[in-house]
Each structure stands twice: as C-alpha cells, then as structure tokens.
C-alpha cells in the first residue's frame, strides 16, 4: 500500500504497525516522535497502531550535541 513519510511516497505491506515501520526504516523509536495525519502518536501505542493506505506520516528525530 502507498503511504507518505516526510513528504516522500513509499510502498509498505498491509497491516504494518508504526513499530515495524520504524524498524524497517532504521529509525530509533527512542529518539523520534511522529504524527499520522497531523495527530501525534504515543510511543506506548506504536506496536498497536496500524498504518492505513494513504496515511501521511511525519517523523522527527532528535539529535544531541554540544
């Protein structure tokens, strides 16, 4: 199915969870937050939140520095 991540269209399997998507994209869930269709998703629900066709996902990763 087709979804958009950070303005880039990609194909993913049906019934994929947020947790699995982050794993496949090599994105750390510990240092990232995301929205699906402009709604923030709690990290506690990443495993149970299923992505749907045409969802628009924005992923923001935090990087420390000094």
N, C-alpha and C. Protein backbone atom coordinates (compact mmCIF):
# COMPACT_ATOMS: atom_id res chain seq x y z
N UNK A 1 0.85 -1.18 0.00
CA UNK A 1 0.00 0.00 0.00
C UNK A 1 0.89 1.24 0.00
N UNK A 2 0.34 2.33 -0.40
CA UNK A 2 1.06 3.59 -0.54
C UNK A 2 0.84 4.47 0.69
N UNK A 3 1.96 4.98 1.25
CA UNK A 3 1.90 5.96 2.34
C UNK A 3 2.92 7.06 2.04
N UNK A 4 2.87 8.12 2.81
CA UNK A 4 3.84 9.20 2.67
C UNK A 4 4.58 9.38 3.98
N UNK A 5 5.91 9.37 3.91
CA UNK A 5 6.75 9.63 5.09
C UNK A 5 7.60 10.85 4.79
N UNK A 6 7.44 11.88 5.60
CA UNK A 6 8.19 13.12 5.44
C UNK A 6 8.18 13.58 3.98
N UNK A 7 7.00 13.64 3.40
CA UNK A 7 6.75 14.12 2.04
C UNK A 7 7.27 13.20 0.93
N UNK A 8 7.66 11.97 1.27
CA UNK A 8 8.13 11.02 0.27
C UNK A 8 7.19 9.81 0.24
N UNK A 9 6.66 9.51 -0.93
CA UNK A 9 5.75 8.37 -1.09
C UNK A 9 6.55 7.07 -1.11
N UNK A 10 6.07 6.09 -0.33
CA UNK A 10 6.69 4.77 -0.33
C UNK A 10 5.61 3.70 -0.31
N UNK A 11 6.00 2.49 -0.69
CA UNK A 11 5.11 1.33 -0.61
C UNK A 11 5.51 0.51 0.61
N UNK A 12 4.50 0.07 1.37
CA UNK A 12 4.71 -0.79 2.53
C UNK A 12 3.67 -1.90 2.51
N UNK A 13 3.92 -2.93 3.30
CA UNK A 13 2.97 -4.03 3.41
C UNK A 13 1.70 -3.57 4.11
N UNK A 14 0.61 -4.25 3.83
CA UNK A 14 -0.64 -4.00 4.55
C UNK A 14 -0.49 -4.41 6.01
N UNK A 15 -1.28 -3.80 6.87
CA UNK A 15 -1.31 -4.12 8.30
C UNK A 15 0.03 -3.97 8.99
N UNK A 16 0.79 -2.97 8.61
CA UNK A 16 2.08 -2.72 9.25
C UNK A 16 1.87 -1.76 10.42
N UNK A 17 2.52 -2.05 11.52
CA UNK A 17 2.41 -1.19 12.69
C UNK A 17 3.45 -0.07 12.61
N UNK A 18 3.25 0.96 13.41
CA UNK A 18 4.23 2.04 13.49
C UNK A 18 5.57 1.48 13.95
N UNK A 19 5.54 0.60 14.93
CA UNK A 19 6.77 -0.01 15.46
C UNK A 19 7.55 -0.71 14.35
N UNK A 20 6.87 -1.51 13.54
CA UNK A 20 7.52 -2.24 12.45
C UNK A 20 8.02 -1.28 11.37
N UNK A 21 7.25 -0.25 11.06
CA UNK A 21 7.67 0.73 10.07
C UNK A 21 8.98 1.40 10.47
N UNK A 22 9.06 1.82 11.73
CA UNK A 22 10.29 2.46 12.20
C UNK A 22 11.47 1.50 12.11
N UNK A 23 11.24 0.25 12.45
CA UNK A 23 12.29 -0.76 12.35
C UNK A 23 12.77 -0.92 10.90
N UNK A 24 11.83 -1.02 9.98
CA UNK A 24 12.18 -1.17 8.56
C UNK A 24 12.89 0.06 7.99
N UNK A 25 12.58 1.23 8.55
CA UNK A 25 13.19 2.48 8.07
C UNK A 25 14.48 2.81 8.83
N UNK A 26 14.90 1.92 9.75
CA UNK A 26 16.09 2.13 10.57
C UNK A 26 16.03 3.42 11.37
N UNK A 27 14.87 3.67 11.96
CA UNK A 27 14.65 4.87 12.76
C UNK A 27 14.44 4.44 14.21
N UNK A 28 15.17 5.05 15.11
CA UNK A 28 15.07 4.72 16.53
C UNK A 28 13.80 5.31 17.12
N UNK A 29 12.98 4.45 17.72
CA UNK A 29 11.75 4.97 18.34
C UNK A 29 12.05 5.70 19.63
N UNK A 30 13.22 5.47 20.22
CA UNK A 30 13.59 6.16 21.46
C UNK A 30 13.90 7.63 21.23
N UNK A 31 14.40 7.98 20.04
CA UNK A 31 14.80 9.37 19.77
C UNK A 31 13.91 10.03 18.73
N UNK A 32 12.74 9.46 18.48
CA UNK A 32 11.85 10.00 17.46
C UNK A 32 10.44 10.19 17.99
N UNK A 33 9.74 11.11 17.38
CA UNK A 33 8.31 11.27 17.59
C UNK A 33 7.68 11.33 16.20
N UNK A 34 6.40 10.97 16.13
CA UNK A 34 5.78 11.02 14.82
C UNK A 34 4.32 11.39 14.90
N UNK A 35 3.84 11.86 13.76
CA UNK A 35 2.42 12.14 13.59
C UNK A 35 1.91 11.31 12.42
N UNK A 36 0.65 10.94 12.53
CA UNK A 36 -0.05 10.32 11.41
C UNK A 36 -1.24 11.23 11.12
N UNK A 37 -1.25 11.77 9.92
CA UNK A 37 -2.31 12.70 9.51
C UNK A 37 -2.47 13.83 10.53
N UNK A 38 -1.34 14.39 10.94
CA UNK A 38 -1.25 15.54 11.86
C UNK A 38 -1.66 15.23 13.30
N UNK A 39 -1.77 13.96 13.67
CA UNK A 39 -2.08 13.56 15.05
C UNK A 39 -0.87 12.84 15.65
N UNK A 40 -0.39 13.36 16.79
CA UNK A 40 0.74 12.72 17.46
C UNK A 40 0.36 11.32 17.90
N UNK A 41 1.32 10.40 17.80
CA UNK A 41 1.12 9.01 18.21
C UNK A 41 1.98 8.76 19.45
N UNK A 42 1.36 8.28 20.54
CA UNK A 42 2.09 7.97 21.76
C UNK A 42 3.00 6.77 21.52
N UNK A 43 4.21 6.85 22.04
CA UNK A 43 5.16 5.74 21.87
C UNK A 43 4.62 4.44 22.43
N UNK A 44 3.80 4.53 23.46
CA UNK A 44 3.24 3.32 24.07
C UNK A 44 2.30 2.58 23.12
N UNK A 45 1.83 3.26 22.07
CA UNK A 45 0.90 2.63 21.14
C UNK A 45 1.53 2.30 19.79
N UNK A 46 2.83 2.45 19.65
CA UNK A 46 3.50 2.17 18.37
C UNK A 46 3.24 0.74 17.90
N UNK A 47 3.22 -0.22 18.81
CA UNK A 47 3.02 -1.62 18.43
C UNK A 47 1.60 -1.86 17.95
N UNK A 48 0.64 -1.20 18.56
CA UNK A 48 -0.77 -1.46 18.24
C UNK A 48 -1.35 -0.51 17.19
N UNK A 49 -0.63 0.55 16.83
CA UNK A 49 -1.13 1.49 15.83
C UNK A 49 -0.79 0.97 14.44
N UNK A 50 -1.83 0.69 13.67
CA UNK A 50 -1.67 0.15 12.32
C UNK A 50 -1.81 1.28 11.30
N UNK A 51 -0.87 1.31 10.39
CA UNK A 51 -0.85 2.33 9.34
C UNK A 51 -1.83 1.93 8.24
N UNK A 52 -2.51 2.94 7.72
CA UNK A 52 -3.52 2.70 6.69
C UNK A 52 -3.08 3.31 5.35
N UNK A 53 -3.69 2.82 4.30
CA UNK A 53 -3.44 3.33 2.96
C UNK A 53 -3.57 4.85 2.93
N UNK A 54 -2.62 5.50 2.28
CA UNK A 54 -2.58 6.96 2.08
C UNK A 54 -2.34 7.76 3.35
N UNK A 55 -1.93 7.12 4.45
CA UNK A 55 -1.58 7.89 5.65
C UNK A 55 -0.39 8.79 5.35
N UNK A 56 -0.43 9.97 5.95
CA UNK A 56 0.66 10.93 5.85
C UNK A 56 1.39 10.93 7.19
N UNK A 57 2.64 10.47 7.18
CA UNK A 57 3.41 10.31 8.41
C UNK A 57 4.58 11.28 8.40
N UNK A 58 4.73 11.99 9.49
CA UNK A 58 5.87 12.87 9.68
C UNK A 58 6.67 12.34 10.85
N UNK A 59 7.96 12.08 10.63
CA UNK A 59 8.83 11.56 11.67
C UNK A 59 9.90 12.60 11.97
N UNK A 60 10.00 12.94 13.25
CA UNK A 60 11.00 13.90 13.70
C UNK A 60 11.96 13.19 14.66
N UNK A 61 13.25 13.23 14.34
CA UNK A 61 14.26 12.60 15.18
C UNK A 61 15.07 13.68 15.87
N UNK A 62 15.41 13.40 17.12
CA UNK A 62 16.18 14.35 17.92
C UNK A 62 17.63 13.90 17.99
N UNK A 63 18.52 14.87 17.80
CA UNK A 63 19.95 14.58 17.84
C UNK A 63 20.58 15.48 18.88
N UNK A 64 21.32 14.90 19.81
CA UNK A 64 22.01 15.68 20.83
C UNK A 64 23.31 16.24 20.30
N UNK A 65 23.76 17.25 20.94
CA UNK A 65 25.01 17.85 20.52
C UNK A 65 25.47 18.88 21.52
N UNK A 66 26.55 19.45 21.27
CA UNK A 66 27.02 20.42 22.23
C UNK A 66 28.10 21.19 21.73
